[in-house]
C-alpha atoms as a PDB file:
ATOM      1  CA  MET A   1    -236.881  50.332  -2.815  1.00  0.00           C
ATOM      2  CA  ALA A   2    -234.218  50.251  -5.506  1.00  0.00           C
ATOM      3  CA  THR A   3    -231.583  52.930  -5.640  1.00  0.00           C
ATOM      4  CA  ASP A   4    -230.587  54.458  -8.940  1.00  0.00           C
ATOM      5  CA  ASP A   5    -227.617  52.091  -9.263  1.00  0.00           C
ATOM      6  CA  GLU A   6    -229.683  48.930  -8.574  1.00  0.00           C
ATOM      7  CA  PRO A   7    -231.576  47.489 -11.538  1.00  0.00           C
ATOM      8  CA  ARG A   8    -235.322  47.245 -10.994  1.00  0.00           C
ATOM      9  CA  GLU A   9    -235.498  43.825 -12.603  1.00  0.00           C
ATOM     10  CA  GLU A  10    -233.377  42.307  -9.832  1.00  0.00           C
ATOM     11  CA  GLN A  11    -235.523  43.904  -7.150  1.00  0.00           C
ATOM     12  CA  GLY A  12    -238.573  41.845  -8.067  1.00  0.00           C
ATOM     13  CA  GLY A  13    -240.869  44.804  -7.672  1.00  0.00           C
ATOM     14  CA  HIS A  14    -243.348  46.882  -9.578  1.00  0.00           C
ATOM     15  CA  ALA A  15    -242.404  50.050 -11.452  1.00  0.00           C
ATOM     16  CA  ASP A  16    -244.040  52.107  -8.682  1.00  0.00           C
ATOM     17  CA  GLY A  17    -241.748  50.542  -6.063  1.00  0.00           C
ATOM     18  CA  ARG A  18    -244.204  48.072  -4.524  1.00  0.00           C
ATOM     19  CA  ARG A  19    -242.951  44.544  -4.018  1.00  0.00           C
ATOM     20  CA  LEU A  20    -244.684  41.641  -5.678  1.00  0.00           C
ATOM     21  CA  GLY A  21    -246.959  40.075  -3.081  1.00  0.00           C
ATOM     22  CA  ASP A  22    -247.423  43.477  -1.432  1.00  0.00           C
ATOM     23  CA  PRO A  23    -250.729  43.549   0.491  1.00  0.00           C
ATOM     24  CA  GLU A  24    -251.253  47.162  -0.618  1.00  0.00           C
ATOM     25  CA  ARG A  25    -251.769  46.339  -4.294  1.00  0.00           C
ATOM     26  CA  GLY A  26    -254.976  48.254  -4.628  1.00  0.00           C
ATOM     27  CA  PRO A  27    -258.623  47.657  -5.451  1.00  0.00           C
ATOM     28  CA  ARG A  28    -257.971  45.247  -8.363  1.00  0.00           C
ATOM     29  CA  ASP A  29    -256.153  42.680  -6.205  1.00  0.00           C
ATOM     30  CA  LEU A  30    -258.458  39.664  -6.363  1.00  0.00           C
ATOM     31  CA  THR A  31    -256.286  37.241  -4.374  1.00  0.00           C
ATOM     32  CA  GLY A  32    -257.839  37.895  -0.992  1.00  0.00           C
ATOM     33  CA  ARG A  33    -256.630  39.540   2.175  1.00  0.00           C
ATOM     34  CA  SER A  34    -256.236  36.581   4.537  1.00  0.00           C
ATOM     35  CA  PRO A  35    -252.681  35.750   5.593  1.00  0.00           C
ATOM     36  CA  LYS A  36    -252.938  32.405   3.757  1.00  0.00           C
ATOM     37  CA  ALA A  37    -254.158  34.051   0.537  1.00  0.00           C
ATOM     38  CA  ARG A  38    -251.353  36.631   0.742  1.00  0.00           C
ATOM     39  CA  ALA A  39    -248.776  33.909   1.488  1.00  0.00           C
ATOM     40  CA  TRP A  40    -249.991  31.886  -1.507  1.00  0.00           C
ATOM     41  CA  ARG A  41    -249.702  34.860  -3.834  1.00  0.00           C
ATOM     42  CA  THR A  42    -246.251  35.760  -2.515  1.00  0.00           C
ATOM     43  CA  PHE A  43    -245.090  32.142  -2.787  1.00  0.00           C
ATOM     44  CA  LEU A  44    -246.357  31.872  -6.363  1.00  0.00           C
ATOM     45  CA  GLU A  45    -244.820  35.163  -7.468  1.00  0.00           C
ATOM     46  CA  THR A  46    -241.529  34.506  -5.689  1.00  0.00           C
ATOM     47  CA  SER A  47    -241.261  31.073  -7.296  1.00  0.00           C
ATOM     48  CA  ALA A  48    -241.898  32.586 -10.721  1.00  0.00           C
ATOM     49  CA  ILE A  49    -239.322  35.351 -10.192  1.00  0.00           C
ATOM     50  CA  VAL A  50    -236.627  32.998  -8.924  1.00  0.00           C
ATOM     51  CA  ASN A  51    -237.283  30.474 -11.718  1.00  0.00           C
ATOM     52  CA  ASP A  52    -237.186  33.230 -14.337  1.00  0.00           C
ATOM     53  CA  ARG A  53    -233.892  34.661 -13.035  1.00  0.00           C
ATOM     54  CA  MET A  54    -232.307  31.237 -12.668  1.00  0.00           C
ATOM     55  CA  GLU A  55    -233.471  30.187 -16.146  1.00  0.00           C
ATOM     56  CA  LYS A  56    -232.063  33.313 -17.779  1.00  0.00           C
ATOM     57  CA  ARG A  57    -228.744  33.128 -15.949  1.00  0.00           C
ATOM     58  CA  LEU A  58    -228.250  29.408 -16.519  1.00  0.00           C
ATOM     59  CA  HIS A  59    -229.129  29.622 -20.202  1.00  0.00           C
ATOM     60  CA  ALA A  60    -226.912  32.652 -20.778  1.00  0.00           C
ATOM     61  CA  SER A  61    -223.974  30.949 -19.024  1.00  0.00           C
ATOM     62  CA  THR A  62    -224.313  27.358 -20.207  1.00  0.00           C
ATOM     63  CA  GLY A  63    -226.918  27.118 -22.981  1.00  0.00           C
ATOM     64  CA  LEU A  64    -228.994  24.844 -20.742  1.00  0.00           C
ATOM     65  CA  ARG A  65    -232.557  25.468 -19.619  1.00  0.00           C
ATOM     66  CA  LEU A  66    -233.529  24.668 -16.030  1.00  0.00           C
ATOM     67  CA  THR A  67    -235.420  21.611 -17.257  1.00  0.00           C
ATOM     68  CA  ASP A  68    -232.300  20.424 -19.117  1.00  0.00           C
ATOM     69  CA  TYR A  69    -230.243  20.919 -15.977  1.00  0.00           C
ATOM     70  CA  ASN A  70    -232.782  19.084 -13.823  1.00  0.00           C
ATOM     71  CA  VAL A  71    -232.819  16.070 -16.158  1.00  0.00           C
ATOM     72  CA  LEU A  72    -229.020  15.969 -16.059  1.00  0.00           C
ATOM     73  CA  LEU A  73    -229.060  16.387 -12.259  1.00  0.00           C
ATOM     74  CA  LEU A  74    -231.453  13.483 -11.722  1.00  0.00           C
ATOM     75  CA  LEU A  75    -229.406  11.258 -14.025  1.00  0.00           C
ATOM     76  CA  ALA A  76    -226.139  12.308 -12.361  1.00  0.00           C
ATOM     77  CA  GLU A  77    -227.589  11.428  -8.947  1.00  0.00           C
ATOM     78  CA  SER A  78    -228.957   8.048 -10.038  1.00  0.00           C
ATOM     79  CA  GLU A  79    -227.208   4.699  -9.905  1.00  0.00           C
ATOM     80  CA  ASP A  80    -225.237   4.120 -13.102  1.00  0.00           C
ATOM     81  CA  HIS A  81    -226.325   7.619 -14.225  1.00  0.00           C
ATOM     82  CA  SER A  82    -229.472   6.054 -15.715  1.00  0.00           C
ATOM     83  CA  LEU A  83    -233.210   6.116 -15.053  1.00  0.00           C
ATOM     84  CA  ARG A  84    -236.233   4.615 -16.729  1.00  0.00           C
ATOM     85  CA  MET A  85    -238.039   7.322 -18.655  1.00  0.00           C
ATOM     86  CA  GLY A  86    -241.226   6.784 -16.619  1.00  0.00           C
ATOM     87  CA  ASP A  87    -239.334   7.254 -13.347  1.00  0.00           C
ATOM     88  CA  LEU A  88    -237.573  10.304 -14.731  1.00  0.00           C
ATOM     89  CA  ALA A  89    -240.895  11.821 -15.868  1.00  0.00           C
ATOM     90  CA  GLU A  90    -242.390  11.241 -12.420  1.00  0.00           C
ATOM     91  CA  ARG A  91    -239.444  12.840 -10.646  1.00  0.00           C
ATOM     92  CA  MET A  92    -239.474  15.798 -13.054  1.00  0.00           C
ATOM     93  CA  VAL A  93    -243.263  16.154 -12.616  1.00  0.00           C
ATOM     94  CA  PHE A  94    -243.515  15.945 -16.409  1.00  0.00           C
ATOM     95  CA  SER A  95    -245.934  14.120 -18.648  1.00  0.00           C
ATOM     96  CA  PRO A  96    -244.244  11.250 -20.515  1.00  0.00           C
ATOM     97  CA  SER A  97    -244.682  13.104 -23.822  1.00  0.00           C
ATOM     98  CA  ARG A  98    -243.081  16.270 -22.455  1.00  0.00           C
ATOM     99  CA  LEU A  99    -240.138  14.283 -21.096  1.00  0.00           C
ATOM    100  CA  SER A 100    -239.814  12.441 -24.404  1.00  0.00           C
ATOM    101  CA  TYR A 101    -239.458  15.781 -26.209  1.00  0.00           C
ATOM    102  CA  GLN A 102    -236.949  17.009 -23.603  1.00  0.00           C
ATOM    103  CA  ALA A 103    -234.947  13.787 -23.829  1.00  0.00           C
ATOM    104  CA  LYS A 104    -234.819  13.926 -27.638  1.00  0.00           C
ATOM    105  CA  THR A 105    -233.410  17.460 -27.407  1.00  0.00           C
ATOM    106  CA  LEU A 106    -230.731  16.383 -24.913  1.00  0.00           C
ATOM    107  CA  GLN A 107    -229.944  13.296 -26.994  1.00  0.00           C
ATOM    108  CA  ARG A 108    -229.448  15.407 -30.146  1.00  0.00           C
ATOM    109  CA  ARG A 109    -226.947  17.482 -28.160  1.00  0.00           C
ATOM    110  CA  GLY A 110    -225.087  14.312 -27.166  1.00  0.00           C
ATOM    111  CA  LEU A 111    -225.803  14.764 -23.452  1.00  0.00           C
ATOM    112  CA  ILE A 112    -227.909  11.635 -22.912  1.00  0.00           C
ATOM    113  CA  ASP A 113    -228.589   8.327 -24.605  1.00  0.00           C
ATOM    114  CA  ARG A 114    -231.989   6.654 -24.732  1.00  0.00           C
ATOM    115  CA  THR A 115    -232.041   2.895 -25.056  1.00  0.00           C
ATOM    116  CA  PRO A 116    -234.636   0.173 -24.620  1.00  0.00           C
ATOM    117  CA  ASP A 117    -234.872  -0.810 -20.961  1.00  0.00           C
ATOM    118  CA  PRO A 118    -233.087  -4.163 -20.511  1.00  0.00           C
ATOM    119  CA  ALA A 119    -235.632  -5.271 -17.884  1.00  0.00           C
ATOM    120  CA  ASP A 120    -238.687  -4.276 -19.942  1.00  0.00           C
ATOM    121  CA  ARG A 121    -238.236  -3.782 -23.686  1.00  0.00           C
ATOM    122  CA  ARG A 122    -241.459  -1.720 -23.832  1.00  0.00           C
ATOM    123  CA  GLY A 123    -239.810   1.017 -21.778  1.00  0.00           C
ATOM    124  CA  MET A 124    -236.848   3.279 -22.423  1.00  0.00           C
ATOM    125  CA  THR A 125    -233.922   4.218 -20.208  1.00  0.00           C
ATOM    126  CA  ALA A 126    -232.149   7.568 -20.268  1.00  0.00           C
ATOM    127  CA  SER A 127    -228.431   7.631 -19.442  1.00  0.00           C
ATOM    128  CA  LEU A 128    -225.889  10.402 -19.163  1.00  0.00           C
ATOM    129  CA  THR A 129    -223.161  10.313 -21.786  1.00  0.00           C
ATOM    130  CA  GLN A 130    -219.560  11.265 -21.042  1.00  0.00           C
ATOM    131  CA  GLU A 131    -220.307  14.637 -22.654  1.00  0.00           C
ATOM    132  CA  GLY A 132    -223.435  14.949 -20.506  1.00  0.00           C
ATOM    133  CA  ARG A 133    -221.383  14.354 -17.370  1.00  0.00           C
ATOM    134  CA  ARG A 134    -218.849  16.974 -18.429  1.00  0.00           C
ATOM    135  CA  VAL A 135    -221.532  19.542 -19.274  1.00  0.00           C
ATOM    136  CA  PHE A 136    -223.368  18.812 -16.022  1.00  0.00           C
ATOM    137  CA  ARG A 137    -220.200  19.270 -13.929  1.00  0.00           C
ATOM    138  CA  GLU A 138    -219.505  22.634 -15.539  1.00  0.00           C
ATOM    139  CA  ALA A 139    -223.138  23.771 -15.359  1.00  0.00           C
ATOM    140  CA  SER A 140    -223.464  22.728 -11.708  1.00  0.00           C
ATOM    141  CA  GLN A 141    -220.614  25.077 -10.770  1.00  0.00           C
ATOM    142  CA  VAL A 142    -222.281  27.988 -12.570  1.00  0.00           C
ATOM    143  CA  HIS A 143    -225.749  27.114 -11.291  1.00  0.00           C
ATOM    144  CA  GLY A 144    -224.457  26.773  -7.726  1.00  0.00           C
ATOM    145  CA  GLY A 145    -223.089  30.309  -7.936  1.00  0.00           C
ATOM    146  CA  HIS A 146    -226.444  31.583  -9.124  1.00  0.00           C
ATOM    147  CA  ILE A 147    -228.203  29.826  -6.231  1.00  0.00           C
ATOM    148  CA  ARG A 148    -225.800  31.416  -3.757  1.00  0.00           C
ATOM    149  CA  GLN A 149    -226.396  34.865  -5.299  1.00  0.00           C
ATOM    150  CA  LEU A 150    -230.187  34.745  -5.510  1.00  0.00           C
ATOM    151  CA  PHE A 151    -231.198  32.472  -2.656  1.00  0.00           C
ATOM    152  CA  HIS A 152    -228.568  31.964   0.029  1.00  0.00           C
ATOM    153  CA  GLY A 153    -228.078  35.643   0.692  1.00  0.00           C
ATOM    154  CA  ALA A 154    -231.778  36.118   1.381  1.00  0.00           C
ATOM    155  CA  LEU A 155    -231.985  33.571   4.224  1.00  0.00           C
ATOM    156  CA  ASP A 156    -230.086  32.756   7.375  1.00  0.00           C
ATOM    157  CA  GLU A 157    -229.688  29.099   8.446  1.00  0.00           C
ATOM    158  CA  GLU A 158    -232.778  29.092  10.670  1.00  0.00           C
ATOM    159  CA  GLU A 159    -234.949  30.646   7.944  1.00  0.00           C
ATOM    160  CA  ALA A 160    -233.634  28.126   5.405  1.00  0.00           C
ATOM    161  CA  LEU A 161    -234.594  25.213   7.670  1.00  0.00           C
ATOM    162  CA  GLU A 162    -238.048  26.709   8.245  1.00  0.00           C
ATOM    163  CA  LEU A 163    -238.581  27.259   4.522  1.00  0.00           C
ATOM    164  CA  GLN A 164    -237.527  23.663   3.834  1.00  0.00           C
ATOM    165  CA  ARG A 165    -239.921  22.396   6.524  1.00  0.00           C
ATOM    166  CA  LEU A 166    -242.786  24.429   5.087  1.00  0.00           C
ATOM    167  CA  CYS A 167    -242.086  23.252   1.537  1.00  0.00           C
ATOM    168  CA  TRP A 168    -242.058  19.616   2.676  1.00  0.00           C
ATOM    169  CA  LYS A 169    -245.363  20.218   4.444  1.00  0.00           C
ATOM    170  CA  ILE A 170    -246.888  21.692   1.269  1.00  0.00           C
ATOM    171  CA  GLN A 171    -245.451  18.856  -0.859  1.00  0.00           C
ATOM    172  CA  THR A 172    -246.949  16.257   1.493  1.00  0.00           C
ATOM    173  CA  ARG A 173    -250.334  17.970   1.412  1.00  0.00           C
ATOM    174  CA  ALA A 174    -250.229  18.144  -2.395  1.00  0.00           C
ATOM    175  CA  ALA A 175    -249.297  14.446  -2.637  1.00  0.00           C
ATOM    176  CA  ASP A 176    -252.073  13.511  -0.201  1.00  0.00           C
ATOM    177  CA  GLY A 177    -254.528  15.419  -2.410  1.00  0.00           C
ATOM    178  CA  ASP A 178    -253.699  13.170  -5.368  1.00  0.00           C
END
């Protein structure tokens, strides 16, 4: 329960003090009552809350959206700071058209270049520019602070390892379902 000096928005709860994912939602809760149904709902709502908070904080601090940051991150981590657009779309879990739009936006800002792929002229390669590297370095410092504020403080080391294990398990199951 939030105290008067704690903003409700940061508490992730309802106006009546219940937490999101609370099993006592009332008669209109159509998720189900099983532990797995409750865990799913809590996972979904928690992901949405964390993404929303991170998006707002990152954009307010750097002008970047989370998707912008993630494109820059993947390019920064890649060899030669470049990736084929198809590989980048797959790693972002984006459709090629959505990534194309995102890449055009980042290119207009001077953060990436898009060039024909030297190995396959039908494809395009995205590469970080010098400005993109600079912006990414600055944004990663800010974003890292936000992660520490919103995420690290909520988990101890053992819980973090368990959450990572569970996420990998869910990711594997989702990939197997494809």
